[in-house]
Structure formats: structure tokens, C-alpha cells
Amino acid sequence: MTYETVARIAQQGGLIYFGLLFLGGCAYALWPKNGDAFVRAARLPLEEEDL
């Protein structure tokens, strides 16, 4: 195996890995079940607290 072959395999593997990671993150963020948690987190800075 030459360096170019190993580099090409590593690049393609990384592309597939990070592509799947990105799609998984998008699926998690857009999953209807997680909507309430994101709405609560978005409103958290607007809540008043007595410090």
C-alpha cells in the first residue's frame, strides 16, 4: 500500500464518519420528542432569578 492509497482511504472514512455524525446531530435536533427541551433551553436566559 502506498501513502496515497492510505491517505485516500482515511479521507473517505473521515468523510463518511463526520457525515453520519452530522446527520445524527440533525436528526436529534429535529426529532419531535426533543422539541420541548429545546424550547425550555431557549427561554432559560429570559427567566428572572434572584441572585
PDB file of N, CA and C in Angstrom:
ATOM      1  N   MET A   1       0.830  -1.175   0.000  1.00  0.00           N
ATOM      2  CA  MET A   1       0.000   0.000   0.000  1.00  0.00           C
ATOM      3  C   MET A   1       0.880   1.246   0.000  1.00  0.00           C
ATOM      4  N   THR A   2       0.511   2.157  -0.826  1.00  0.00           N
ATOM      5  CA  THR A   2       1.273   3.399  -0.883  1.00  0.00           C
ATOM      6  C   THR A   2       0.636   4.435   0.043  1.00  0.00           C
ATOM      7  N   TYR A   3       1.372   5.511   0.259  1.00  0.00           N
ATOM      8  CA  TYR A   3       0.870   6.584   1.107  1.00  0.00           C
ATOM      9  C   TYR A   3      -0.411   7.188   0.526  1.00  0.00           C
ATOM     10  N   GLU A   4      -0.459   7.348  -0.777  1.00  0.00           N
ATOM     11  CA  GLU A   4      -1.627   7.938  -1.414  1.00  0.00           C
ATOM     12  C   GLU A   4      -2.874   7.084  -1.194  1.00  0.00           C
ATOM     13  N   THR A   5      -2.725   5.777  -1.250  1.00  0.00           N
ATOM     14  CA  THR A   5      -3.853   4.878  -1.030  1.00  0.00           C
ATOM     15  C   THR A   5      -4.354   4.975   0.399  1.00  0.00           C
ATOM     16  N   VAL A   6      -3.427   4.966   1.345  1.00  0.00           N
ATOM     17  CA  VAL A   6      -3.807   5.064   2.760  1.00  0.00           C
ATOM     18  C   VAL A   6      -4.464   6.411   3.036  1.00  0.00           C
ATOM     19  N   ALA A   7      -3.915   7.481   2.467  1.00  0.00           N
ATOM     20  CA  ALA A   7      -4.486   8.811   2.674  1.00  0.00           C
ATOM     21  C   ALA A   7      -5.883   8.898   2.082  1.00  0.00           C
ATOM     22  N   ARG A   8      -6.094   8.327   0.911  1.00  0.00           N
ATOM     23  CA  ARG A   8      -7.417   8.351   0.282  1.00  0.00           C
ATOM     24  C   ARG A   8      -8.433   7.589   1.122  1.00  0.00           C
ATOM     25  N   ILE A   9      -8.048   6.428   1.642  1.00  0.00           N
ATOM     26  CA  ILE A   9      -8.943   5.630   2.485  1.00  0.00           C
ATOM     27  C   ILE A   9      -9.277   6.390   3.766  1.00  0.00           C
ATOM     28  N   ALA A  10      -8.274   7.022   4.379  1.00  0.00           N
ATOM     29  CA  ALA A  10      -8.504   7.784   5.601  1.00  0.00           C
ATOM     30  C   ALA A  10      -9.413   8.982   5.335  1.00  0.00           C
ATOM     31  N   GLN A  11      -9.245   9.656   4.222  1.00  0.00           N
ATOM     32  CA  GLN A  11     -10.088  10.803   3.894  1.00  0.00           C
ATOM     33  C   GLN A  11     -11.529  10.374   3.660  1.00  0.00           C
ATOM     34  N   GLN A  12     -11.725   9.303   2.937  1.00  0.00           N
ATOM     35  CA  GLN A  12     -13.076   8.827   2.675  1.00  0.00           C
ATOM     36  C   GLN A  12     -13.732   8.319   3.953  1.00  0.00           C
ATOM     37  N   GLY A  13     -12.958   7.637   4.787  1.00  0.00           N
ATOM     38  CA  GLY A  13     -13.506   7.165   6.065  1.00  0.00           C
ATOM     39  C   GLY A  13     -13.894   8.321   6.961  1.00  0.00           C
ATOM     40  N   GLY A  14     -13.064   9.348   7.013  1.00  0.00           N
ATOM     41  CA  GLY A  14     -13.391  10.522   7.812  1.00  0.00           C
ATOM     42  C   GLY A  14     -14.614  11.242   7.286  1.00  0.00           C
ATOM     43  N   LEU A  15     -14.732  11.342   5.977  1.00  0.00           N
ATOM     44  CA  LEU A  15     -15.896  11.986   5.368  1.00  0.00           C
ATOM     45  C   LEU A  15     -17.176  11.237   5.737  1.00  0.00           C
ATOM     46  N   ILE A  16     -17.145   9.927   5.643  1.00  0.00           N
ATOM     47  CA  ILE A  16     -18.314   9.115   5.984  1.00  0.00           C
ATOM     48  C   ILE A  16     -18.631   9.251   7.471  1.00  0.00           C
ATOM     49  N   TYR A  17     -17.605   9.178   8.320  1.00  0.00           N
ATOM     50  CA  TYR A  17     -17.799   9.271   9.773  1.00  0.00           C
ATOM     51  C   TYR A  17     -18.424  10.610  10.152  1.00  0.00           C
ATOM     52  N   PHE A  18     -17.841  11.715   9.700  1.00  0.00           N
ATOM     53  CA  PHE A  18     -18.357  13.023  10.065  1.00  0.00           C
ATOM     54  C   PHE A  18     -19.691  13.323   9.384  1.00  0.00           C
ATOM     55  N   GLY A  19     -19.918  12.771   8.206  1.00  0.00           N
ATOM     56  CA  GLY A  19     -21.218  12.913   7.566  1.00  0.00           C
ATOM     57  C   GLY A  19     -22.310  12.240   8.381  1.00  0.00           C
ATOM     58  N   LEU A  20     -22.039  11.032   8.857  1.00  0.00           N
ATOM     59  CA  LEU A  20     -23.011  10.331   9.693  1.00  0.00           C
ATOM     60  C   LEU A  20     -23.201  11.038  11.033  1.00  0.00           C
ATOM     61  N   LEU A  21     -22.121  11.570  11.582  1.00  0.00           N
ATOM     62  CA  LEU A  21     -22.213  12.319  12.832  1.00  0.00           C
ATOM     63  C   LEU A  21     -23.083  13.568  12.644  1.00  0.00           C
ATOM     64  N   PHE A  22     -22.906  14.271  11.533  1.00  0.00           N
ATOM     65  CA  PHE A  22     -23.711  15.444  11.231  1.00  0.00           C
ATOM     66  C   PHE A  22     -25.182  15.073  11.060  1.00  0.00           C
ATOM     67  N   LEU A  23     -25.460  14.025  10.312  1.00  0.00           N
ATOM     68  CA  LEU A  23     -26.843  13.598  10.112  1.00  0.00           C
ATOM     69  C   LEU A  23     -27.487  13.159  11.424  1.00  0.00           C
ATOM     70  N   GLY A  24     -26.714  12.503  12.276  1.00  0.00           N
ATOM     71  CA  GLY A  24     -27.236  12.114  13.588  1.00  0.00           C
ATOM     72  C   GLY A  24     -27.560  13.326  14.441  1.00  0.00           C
ATOM     73  N   GLY A  25     -26.704  14.351  14.403  1.00  0.00           N
ATOM     74  CA  GLY A  25     -26.972  15.574  15.148  1.00  0.00           C
ATOM     75  C   GLY A  25     -28.197  16.295  14.628  1.00  0.00           C
ATOM     76  N   CYS A  26     -28.356  16.335  13.323  1.00  0.00           N
ATOM     77  CA  CYS A  26     -29.549  16.958  12.733  1.00  0.00           C
ATOM     78  C   CYS A  26     -30.808  16.185  13.117  1.00  0.00           C
ATOM     79  N   ALA A  27     -30.750  14.874  13.079  1.00  0.00           N
ATOM     80  CA  ALA A  27     -31.902  14.056  13.455  1.00  0.00           C
ATOM     81  C   ALA A  27     -32.254  14.277  14.923  1.00  0.00           C
ATOM     82  N   TYR A  28     -31.251  14.377  15.783  1.00  0.00           N
ATOM     83  CA  TYR A  28     -31.500  14.619  17.209  1.00  0.00           C
ATOM     84  C   TYR A  28     -32.147  15.989  17.414  1.00  0.00           C
ATOM     85  N   ALA A  29     -31.628  16.998  16.735  1.00  0.00           N
ATOM     86  CA  ALA A  29     -32.139  18.352  16.919  1.00  0.00           C
ATOM     87  C   ALA A  29     -33.548  18.508  16.360  1.00  0.00           C
ATOM     88  N   LEU A  30     -33.882  17.801  15.320  1.00  0.00           N
ATOM     89  CA  LEU A  30     -35.181  17.965  14.681  1.00  0.00           C
ATOM     90  C   LEU A  30     -36.211  16.921  15.110  1.00  0.00           C
ATOM     91  N   TRP A  31     -35.809  15.988  15.972  1.00  0.00           N
ATOM     92  CA  TRP A  31     -36.734  14.949  16.432  1.00  0.00           C
ATOM     93  C   TRP A  31     -37.847  15.599  17.251  1.00  0.00           C
ATOM     94  N   PRO A  32     -39.109  15.316  16.934  1.00  0.00           N
ATOM     95  CA  PRO A  32     -40.219  15.988  17.627  1.00  0.00           C
ATOM     96  C   PRO A  32     -40.203  15.799  19.150  1.00  0.00           C
ATOM     97  N   LYS A  33     -39.741  14.686  19.624  1.00  0.00           N
ATOM     98  CA  LYS A  33     -39.712  14.405  21.061  1.00  0.00           C
ATOM     99  C   LYS A  33     -38.807  15.381  21.810  1.00  0.00           C
ATOM    100  N   ASN A  34     -37.757  15.894  21.173  1.00  0.00           N
ATOM    101  CA  ASN A  34     -36.795  16.777  21.831  1.00  0.00           C
ATOM    102  C   ASN A  34     -37.184  18.248  21.753  1.00  0.00           C
ATOM    103  N   GLY A  35     -38.279  18.571  21.108  1.00  0.00           N
ATOM    104  CA  GLY A  35     -38.684  19.961  20.909  1.00  0.00           C
ATOM    105  C   GLY A  35     -38.904  20.717  22.206  1.00  0.00           C
ATOM    106  N   ASP A  36     -39.567  20.091  23.181  1.00  0.00           N
ATOM    107  CA  ASP A  36     -39.855  20.777  24.444  1.00  0.00           C
ATOM    108  C   ASP A  36     -38.571  21.142  25.186  1.00  0.00           C
ATOM    109  N   ALA A  37     -37.603  20.267  25.184  1.00  0.00           N
ATOM    110  CA  ALA A  37     -36.339  20.554  25.869  1.00  0.00           C
ATOM    111  C   ALA A  37     -35.629  21.732  25.223  1.00  0.00           C
ATOM    112  N   PHE A  38     -35.675  21.842  23.917  1.00  0.00           N
ATOM    113  CA  PHE A  38     -35.019  22.950  23.231  1.00  0.00           C
ATOM    114  C   PHE A  38     -35.766  24.259  23.463  1.00  0.00           C
ATOM    115  N   VAL A  39     -37.077  24.204  23.548  1.00  0.00           N
ATOM    116  CA  VAL A  39     -37.850  25.412  23.836  1.00  0.00           C
ATOM    117  C   VAL A  39     -37.534  25.902  25.250  1.00  0.00           C
ATOM    118  N   ARG A  40     -37.468  24.989  26.214  1.00  0.00           N
ATOM    119  CA  ARG A  40     -37.110  25.377  27.587  1.00  0.00           C
ATOM    120  C   ARG A  40     -35.708  25.964  27.642  1.00  0.00           C
ATOM    121  N   ALA A  41     -34.776  25.362  26.943  1.00  0.00           N
ATOM    122  CA  ALA A  41     -33.394  25.855  26.939  1.00  0.00           C
ATOM    123  C   ALA A  41     -33.303  27.221  26.276  1.00  0.00           C
ATOM    124  N   ALA A  42     -34.109  27.476  25.258  1.00  0.00           N
ATOM    125  CA  ALA A  42     -34.083  28.764  24.576  1.00  0.00           C
ATOM    126  C   ALA A  42     -34.640  29.870  25.466  1.00  0.00           C
ATOM    127  N   ARG A  43     -35.600  29.551  26.334  1.00  0.00           N
ATOM    128  CA  ARG A  43     -36.200  30.561  27.185  1.00  0.00           C
ATOM    129  C   ARG A  43     -35.446  30.750  28.490  1.00  0.00           C
ATOM    130  N   LEU A  44     -34.499  29.914  28.797  1.00  0.00           N
ATOM    131  CA  LEU A  44     -33.772  29.960  30.064  1.00  0.00           C
ATOM    132  C   LEU A  44     -33.092  31.310  30.322  1.00  0.00           C
ATOM    133  N   PRO A  45     -32.425  31.944  29.358  1.00  0.00           N
ATOM    134  CA  PRO A  45     -31.801  33.249  29.647  1.00  0.00           C
ATOM    135  C   PRO A  45     -32.812  34.352  29.939  1.00  0.00           C
ATOM    136  N   LEU A  46     -34.058  34.176  29.565  1.00  0.00           N
ATOM    137  CA  LEU A  46     -35.074  35.211  29.769  1.00  0.00           C
ATOM    138  C   LEU A  46     -35.755  35.108  31.121  1.00  0.00           C
ATOM    139  N   GLU A  47     -35.546  34.030  31.829  1.00  0.00           N
ATOM    140  CA  GLU A  47     -36.175  33.858  33.140  1.00  0.00           C
ATOM    141  C   GLU A  47     -35.449  34.710  34.172  1.00  0.00           C
ATOM    142  N   GLU A  48     -36.238  35.311  35.045  1.00  0.00           N
ATOM    143  CA  GLU A  48     -35.653  36.150  36.087  1.00  0.00           C
ATOM    144  C   GLU A  48     -35.335  35.289  37.313  1.00  0.00           C
ATOM    145  N   GLU A  49     -34.187  35.568  37.886  1.00  0.00           N
ATOM    146  CA  GLU A  49     -33.765  34.872  39.096  1.00  0.00           C
ATOM    147  C   GLU A  49     -33.294  35.906  40.101  1.00  0.00           C
ATOM    148  N   ASP A  50     -33.524  35.643  41.344  1.00  0.00           N
ATOM    149  CA  ASP A  50     -32.964  36.494  42.395  1.00  0.00           C
ATOM    150  C   ASP A  50     -31.635  35.912  42.811  1.00  0.00           C
ATOM    151  N   LEU A  51     -30.581  36.657  42.555  1.00  0.00           N
ATOM    152  CA  LEU A  51     -29.243  36.158  42.914  1.00  0.00           C
ATOM    153  C   LEU A  51     -28.808  36.648  44.266  1.00  0.00           C
TER     154      LEU A  51
END
